[in-house]
Amino acid sequence: MIELSEPTIIDQIVERLARNYPTVPPATVSTVVRGIHARFDGRPLRDYVPLFVERNAKHELGQLSA
């Protein structure tokens, strides 16, 4: 089984969301995702961080694309 690092997963989230929100500039998608990811710095439980980041980013990007 191949385990991906958290930064790799975050990069994949940026790419996926940039495709899903074509009206939002890719740089903005990256800024949103990485900003949300930074909120979880220092938190001990890392397993679900990418899931939380993606959910929160979808919410924010949905507001930006509306």
PDB file of N, CA and C in Angstrom:
ATOM      1  N   MET A   1       0.835  -1.173   0.000  1.00  0.00           N
ATOM      2  CA  MET A   1       0.000   0.000   0.000  1.00  0.00           C
ATOM      3  C   MET A   1       0.884   1.243   0.000  1.00  0.00           C
ATOM      4  N   ILE A   2       0.546   2.191  -0.843  1.00  0.00           N
ATOM      5  CA  ILE A   2       1.307   3.435  -0.935  1.00  0.00           C
ATOM      6  C   ILE A   2       0.600   4.502  -0.107  1.00  0.00           C
ATOM      7  N   GLU A   3       1.337   5.104   0.797  1.00  0.00           N
ATOM      8  CA  GLU A   3       0.782   6.189   1.596  1.00  0.00           C
ATOM      9  C   GLU A   3       1.284   7.505   1.025  1.00  0.00           C
ATOM     10  N   LEU A   4       0.360   8.414   0.794  1.00  0.00           N
ATOM     11  CA  LEU A   4       0.715   9.734   0.298  1.00  0.00           C
ATOM     12  C   LEU A   4       0.956  10.666   1.471  1.00  0.00           C
ATOM     13  N   SER A   5       1.890  11.578   1.301  1.00  0.00           N
ATOM     14  CA  SER A   5       2.149  12.562   2.347  1.00  0.00           C
ATOM     15  C   SER A   5       1.028  13.603   2.337  1.00  0.00           C
ATOM     16  N   GLU A   6       0.871  14.242   3.457  1.00  0.00           N
ATOM     17  CA  GLU A   6      -0.170  15.269   3.573  1.00  0.00           C
ATOM     18  C   GLU A   6       0.016  16.389   2.542  1.00  0.00           C
ATOM     19  N   PRO A   7       1.242  16.905   2.332  1.00  0.00           N
ATOM     20  CA  PRO A   7       1.410  17.942   1.294  1.00  0.00           C
ATOM     21  C   PRO A   7       1.009  17.456  -0.102  1.00  0.00           C
ATOM     22  N   THR A   8       1.268  16.198  -0.411  1.00  0.00           N
ATOM     23  CA  THR A   8       0.872  15.653  -1.712  1.00  0.00           C
ATOM     24  C   THR A   8      -0.646  15.610  -1.831  1.00  0.00           C
ATOM     25  N   ILE A   9      -1.310  15.212  -0.768  1.00  0.00           N
ATOM     26  CA  ILE A   9      -2.776  15.167  -0.780  1.00  0.00           C
ATOM     27  C   ILE A   9      -3.350  16.569  -0.930  1.00  0.00           C
ATOM     28  N   ILE A  10      -2.766  17.537  -0.255  1.00  0.00           N
ATOM     29  CA  ILE A  10      -3.235  18.925  -0.369  1.00  0.00           C
ATOM     30  C   ILE A  10      -3.042  19.419  -1.798  1.00  0.00           C
ATOM     31  N   ASP A  11      -1.926  19.092  -2.423  1.00  0.00           N
ATOM     32  CA  ASP A  11      -1.706  19.454  -3.828  1.00  0.00           C
ATOM     33  C   ASP A  11      -2.790  18.848  -4.720  1.00  0.00           C
ATOM     34  N   GLN A  12      -3.156  17.609  -4.446  1.00  0.00           N
ATOM     35  CA  GLN A  12      -4.200  16.952  -5.229  1.00  0.00           C
ATOM     36  C   GLN A  12      -5.554  17.622  -5.025  1.00  0.00           C
ATOM     37  N   ILE A  13      -5.822  18.059  -3.818  1.00  0.00           N
ATOM     38  CA  ILE A  13      -7.069  18.771  -3.535  1.00  0.00           C
ATOM     39  C   ILE A  13      -7.107  20.076  -4.327  1.00  0.00           C
ATOM     40  N   VAL A  14      -5.989  20.802  -4.349  1.00  0.00           N
ATOM     41  CA  VAL A  14      -5.920  22.052  -5.118  1.00  0.00           C
ATOM     42  C   VAL A  14      -6.225  21.777  -6.587  1.00  0.00           C
ATOM     43  N   GLU A  15      -5.602  20.766  -7.144  1.00  0.00           N
ATOM     44  CA  GLU A  15      -5.829  20.435  -8.560  1.00  0.00           C
ATOM     45  C   GLU A  15      -7.282  20.060  -8.820  1.00  0.00           C
ATOM     46  N   ARG A  16      -7.844  19.223  -7.977  1.00  0.00           N
ATOM     47  CA  ARG A  16      -9.224  18.769  -8.150  1.00  0.00           C
ATOM     48  C   ARG A  16     -10.205  19.944  -8.044  1.00  0.00           C
ATOM     49  N   LEU A  17     -10.021  20.786  -7.047  1.00  0.00           N
ATOM     50  CA  LEU A  17     -10.941  21.898  -6.856  1.00  0.00           C
ATOM     51  C   LEU A  17     -10.776  22.961  -7.951  1.00  0.00           C
ATOM     52  N   ALA A  18      -9.578  23.132  -8.446  1.00  0.00           N
ATOM     53  CA  ALA A  18      -9.366  24.070  -9.557  1.00  0.00           C
ATOM     54  C   ALA A  18     -10.145  23.609 -10.789  1.00  0.00           C
ATOM     55  N   ARG A  19     -10.217  22.304 -11.007  1.00  0.00           N
ATOM     56  CA  ARG A  19     -11.016  21.769 -12.121  1.00  0.00           C
ATOM     57  C   ARG A  19     -12.512  21.920 -11.848  1.00  0.00           C
ATOM     58  N   ASN A  20     -12.914  21.735 -10.592  1.00  0.00           N
ATOM     59  CA  ASN A  20     -14.334  21.785 -10.236  1.00  0.00           C
ATOM     60  C   ASN A  20     -14.889  23.205 -10.137  1.00  0.00           C
ATOM     61  N   TYR A  21     -14.029  24.186  -9.980  1.00  0.00           N
ATOM     62  CA  TYR A  21     -14.444  25.589  -9.878  1.00  0.00           C
ATOM     63  C   TYR A  21     -13.705  26.406 -10.938  1.00  0.00           C
ATOM     64  N   PRO A  22     -14.043  26.197 -12.208  1.00  0.00           N
ATOM     65  CA  PRO A  22     -13.305  26.858 -13.294  1.00  0.00           C
ATOM     66  C   PRO A  22     -13.459  28.382 -13.321  1.00  0.00           C
ATOM     67  N   THR A  23     -14.477  28.913 -12.658  1.00  0.00           N
ATOM     68  CA  THR A  23     -14.654  30.366 -12.638  1.00  0.00           C
ATOM     69  C   THR A  23     -13.780  31.048 -11.595  1.00  0.00           C
ATOM     70  N   VAL A  24     -13.190  30.257 -10.711  1.00  0.00           N
ATOM     71  CA  VAL A  24     -12.297  30.798  -9.683  1.00  0.00           C
ATOM     72  C   VAL A  24     -10.865  30.609 -10.178  1.00  0.00           C
ATOM     73  N   PRO A  25     -10.066  31.666 -10.192  1.00  0.00           N
ATOM     74  CA  PRO A  25      -8.677  31.528 -10.648  1.00  0.00           C
ATOM     75  C   PRO A  25      -7.923  30.457  -9.844  1.00  0.00           C
ATOM     76  N   PRO A  26      -7.105  29.655 -10.530  1.00  0.00           N
ATOM     77  CA  PRO A  26      -6.361  28.596  -9.831  1.00  0.00           C
ATOM     78  C   PRO A  26      -5.527  29.108  -8.655  1.00  0.00           C
ATOM     79  N   ALA A  27      -4.977  30.295  -8.786  1.00  0.00           N
ATOM     80  CA  ALA A  27      -4.189  30.847  -7.677  1.00  0.00           C
ATOM     81  C   ALA A  27      -5.069  31.095  -6.456  1.00  0.00           C
ATOM     82  N   THR A  28      -6.309  31.497  -6.687  1.00  0.00           N
ATOM     83  CA  THR A  28      -7.245  31.719  -5.580  1.00  0.00           C
ATOM     84  C   THR A  28      -7.613  30.392  -4.930  1.00  0.00           C
ATOM     85  N   VAL A  29      -7.839  29.370  -5.751  1.00  0.00           N
ATOM     86  CA  VAL A  29      -8.135  28.040  -5.214  1.00  0.00           C
ATOM     87  C   VAL A  29      -6.984  27.587  -4.319  1.00  0.00           C
ATOM     88  N   SER A  30      -5.774  27.735  -4.792  1.00  0.00           N
ATOM     89  CA  SER A  30      -4.604  27.337  -4.017  1.00  0.00           C
ATOM     90  C   SER A  30      -4.514  28.125  -2.710  1.00  0.00           C
ATOM     91  N   THR A  31      -4.750  29.415  -2.775  1.00  0.00           N
ATOM     92  CA  THR A  31      -4.694  30.254  -1.580  1.00  0.00           C
ATOM     93  C   THR A  31      -5.739  29.824  -0.562  1.00  0.00           C
ATOM     94  N   VAL A  32      -6.954  29.564  -1.032  1.00  0.00           N
ATOM     95  CA  VAL A  32      -8.032  29.137  -0.136  1.00  0.00           C
ATOM     96  C   VAL A  32      -7.674  27.807   0.524  1.00  0.00           C
ATOM     97  N   VAL A  33      -7.296  26.825  -0.280  1.00  0.00           N
ATOM     98  CA  VAL A  33      -6.991  25.492   0.249  1.00  0.00           C
ATOM     99  C   VAL A  33      -5.823  25.557   1.229  1.00  0.00           C
ATOM    100  N   ARG A  34      -4.771  26.240   0.847  1.00  0.00           N
ATOM    101  CA  ARG A  34      -3.588  26.293   1.718  1.00  0.00           C
ATOM    102  C   ARG A  34      -3.850  27.113   2.987  1.00  0.00           C
ATOM    103  N   GLY A  35      -4.693  28.122   2.875  1.00  0.00           N
ATOM    104  CA  GLY A  35      -5.070  28.892   4.061  1.00  0.00           C
ATOM    105  C   GLY A  35      -5.871  28.060   5.046  1.00  0.00           C
ATOM    106  N   ILE A  36      -6.802  27.273   4.520  1.00  0.00           N
ATOM    107  CA  ILE A  36      -7.575  26.389   5.388  1.00  0.00           C
ATOM    108  C   ILE A  36      -6.665  25.326   5.992  1.00  0.00           C
ATOM    109  N   HIS A  37      -5.771  24.791   5.188  1.00  0.00           N
ATOM    110  CA  HIS A  37      -4.835  23.787   5.692  1.00  0.00           C
ATOM    111  C   HIS A  37      -3.990  24.351   6.835  1.00  0.00           C
ATOM    112  N   ALA A  38      -3.591  25.594   6.718  1.00  0.00           N
ATOM    113  CA  ALA A  38      -2.759  26.219   7.755  1.00  0.00           C
ATOM    114  C   ALA A  38      -3.492  26.310   9.092  1.00  0.00           C
ATOM    115  N   ARG A  39      -4.827  26.370   9.053  1.00  0.00           N
ATOM    116  CA  ARG A  39      -5.603  26.422  10.302  1.00  0.00           C
ATOM    117  C   ARG A  39      -5.406  25.167  11.144  1.00  0.00           C
ATOM    118  N   PHE A  40      -4.999  24.079  10.511  1.00  0.00           N
ATOM    119  CA  PHE A  40      -4.829  22.818  11.214  1.00  0.00           C
ATOM    120  C   PHE A  40      -3.387  22.570  11.663  1.00  0.00           C
ATOM    121  N   ASP A  41      -2.509  23.540  11.454  1.00  0.00           N
ATOM    122  CA  ASP A  41      -1.120  23.405  11.911  1.00  0.00           C
ATOM    123  C   ASP A  41      -1.090  23.176  13.420  1.00  0.00           C
ATOM    124  N   GLY A  42      -0.259  22.255  13.829  1.00  0.00           N
ATOM    125  CA  GLY A  42      -0.092  22.002  15.252  1.00  0.00           C
ATOM    126  C   GLY A  42      -1.142  21.097  15.858  1.00  0.00           C
ATOM    127  N   ARG A  43      -2.110  20.680  15.070  1.00  0.00           N
ATOM    128  CA  ARG A  43      -3.140  19.777  15.595  1.00  0.00           C
ATOM    129  C   ARG A  43      -2.577  18.356  15.583  1.00  0.00           C
ATOM    130  N   PRO A  44      -2.789  17.605  16.648  1.00  0.00           N
ATOM    131  CA  PRO A  44      -2.138  16.298  16.745  1.00  0.00           C
ATOM    132  C   PRO A  44      -2.711  15.220  15.810  1.00  0.00           C
ATOM    133  N   LEU A  45      -3.985  15.216  15.586  1.00  0.00           N
ATOM    134  CA  LEU A  45      -4.594  14.173  14.762  1.00  0.00           C
ATOM    135  C   LEU A  45      -4.630  14.632  13.308  1.00  0.00           C
ATOM    136  N   ARG A  46      -3.830  13.990  12.452  1.00  0.00           N
ATOM    137  CA  ARG A  46      -3.658  14.455  11.074  1.00  0.00           C
ATOM    138  C   ARG A  46      -4.455  13.644  10.053  1.00  0.00           C
ATOM    139  N   ASP A  47      -4.989  12.498  10.438  1.00  0.00           N
ATOM    140  CA  ASP A  47      -5.610  11.593   9.482  1.00  0.00           C
ATOM    141  C   ASP A  47      -6.745  12.223   8.689  1.00  0.00           C
ATOM    142  N   TYR A  48      -7.531  13.060   9.304  1.00  0.00           N
ATOM    143  CA  TYR A  48      -8.710  13.618   8.652  1.00  0.00           C
ATOM    144  C   TYR A  48      -8.532  15.050   8.168  1.00  0.00           C
ATOM    145  N   VAL A  49      -7.358  15.609   8.366  1.00  0.00           N
ATOM    146  CA  VAL A  49      -7.118  17.002   7.981  1.00  0.00           C
ATOM    147  C   VAL A  49      -7.425  17.237   6.500  1.00  0.00           C
ATOM    148  N   PRO A  50      -6.942  16.415   5.568  1.00  0.00           N
ATOM    149  CA  PRO A  50      -7.270  16.674   4.160  1.00  0.00           C
ATOM    150  C   PRO A  50      -8.778  16.683   3.882  1.00  0.00           C
ATOM    151  N   LEU A  51      -9.517  15.807   4.534  1.00  0.00           N
ATOM    152  CA  LEU A  51     -10.973  15.783   4.364  1.00  0.00           C
ATOM    153  C   LEU A  51     -11.587  17.090   4.848  1.00  0.00           C
ATOM    154  N   PHE A  52     -11.183  17.546   6.017  1.00  0.00           N
ATOM    155  CA  PHE A  52     -11.702  18.802   6.549  1.00  0.00           C
ATOM    156  C   PHE A  52     -11.316  19.985   5.661  1.00  0.00           C
ATOM    157  N   VAL A  53     -10.090  19.971   5.174  1.00  0.00           N
ATOM    158  CA  VAL A  53      -9.624  21.042   4.285  1.00  0.00           C
ATOM    159  C   VAL A  53     -10.486  21.084   3.028  1.00  0.00           C
ATOM    160  N   GLU A  54     -10.705  19.937   2.408  1.00  0.00           N
ATOM    161  CA  GLU A  54     -11.482  19.911   1.167  1.00  0.00           C
ATOM    162  C   GLU A  54     -12.922  20.361   1.398  1.00  0.00           C
ATOM    163  N   ARG A  55     -13.536  19.901   2.454  1.00  0.00           N
ATOM    164  CA  ARG A  55     -14.923  20.309   2.748  1.00  0.00           C
ATOM    165  C   ARG A  55     -15.027  21.814   2.962  1.00  0.00           C
ATOM    166  N   ASN A  56     -14.119  22.370   3.759  1.00  0.00           N
ATOM    167  CA  ASN A  56     -14.148  23.805   4.025  1.00  0.00           C
ATOM    168  C   ASN A  56     -13.844  24.608   2.768  1.00  0.00           C
ATOM    169  N   ALA A  57     -12.905  24.124   1.968  1.00  0.00           N
ATOM    170  CA  ALA A  57     -12.548  24.828   0.738  1.00  0.00           C
ATOM    171  C   ALA A  57     -13.713  24.819  -0.242  1.00  0.00           C
ATOM    172  N   LYS A  58     -14.412  23.691  -0.366  1.00  0.00           N
ATOM    173  CA  LYS A  58     -15.594  23.633  -1.245  1.00  0.00           C
ATOM    174  C   LYS A  58     -16.615  24.683  -0.833  1.00  0.00           C
ATOM    175  N   HIS A  59     -16.819  24.828   0.455  1.00  0.00           N
ATOM    176  CA  HIS A  59     -17.768  25.823   0.944  1.00  0.00           C
ATOM    177  C   HIS A  59     -17.334  27.239   0.555  1.00  0.00           C
ATOM    178  N   GLU A  60     -16.082  27.567   0.819  1.00  0.00           N
ATOM    179  CA  GLU A  60     -15.580  28.910   0.498  1.00  0.00           C
ATOM    180  C   GLU A  60     -15.552  29.162  -1.000  1.00  0.00           C
ATOM    181  N   LEU A  61     -15.127  28.175  -1.785  1.00  0.00           N
ATOM    182  CA  LEU A  61     -15.059  28.342  -3.231  1.00  0.00           C
ATOM    183  C   LEU A  61     -16.455  28.434  -3.841  1.00  0.00           C
ATOM    184  N   GLY A  62     -17.404  27.730  -3.263  1.00  0.00           N
ATOM    185  CA  GLY A  62     -18.779  27.845  -3.717  1.00  0.00           C
ATOM    186  C   GLY A  62     -19.303  29.262  -3.550  1.00  0.00           C
ATOM    187  N   GLN A  63     -18.934  29.902  -2.469  1.00  0.00           N
ATOM    188  CA  GLN A  63     -19.336  31.295  -2.239  1.00  0.00           C
ATOM    189  C   GLN A  63     -18.632  32.231  -3.224  1.00  0.00           C
ATOM    190  N   LEU A  64     -17.369  31.950  -3.525  1.00  0.00           N
ATOM    191  CA  LEU A  64     -16.626  32.803  -4.447  1.00  0.00           C
ATOM    192  C   LEU A  64     -17.120  32.661  -5.886  1.00  0.00           C
ATOM    193  N   SER A  65     -17.576  31.464  -6.251  1.00  0.00           N
ATOM    194  CA  SER A  65     -17.997  31.243  -7.633  1.00  0.00           C
ATOM    195  C   SER A  65     -19.438  31.662  -7.870  1.00  0.00           C
ATOM    196  N   ALA A  66     -20.172  31.951  -6.809  1.00  0.00           N
ATOM    197  CA  ALA A  66     -21.589  32.338  -6.962  1.00  0.00           C
ATOM    198  C   ALA A  66     -21.730  33.766  -7.450  1.00  0.00           C
TER     199      ALA A  66
END
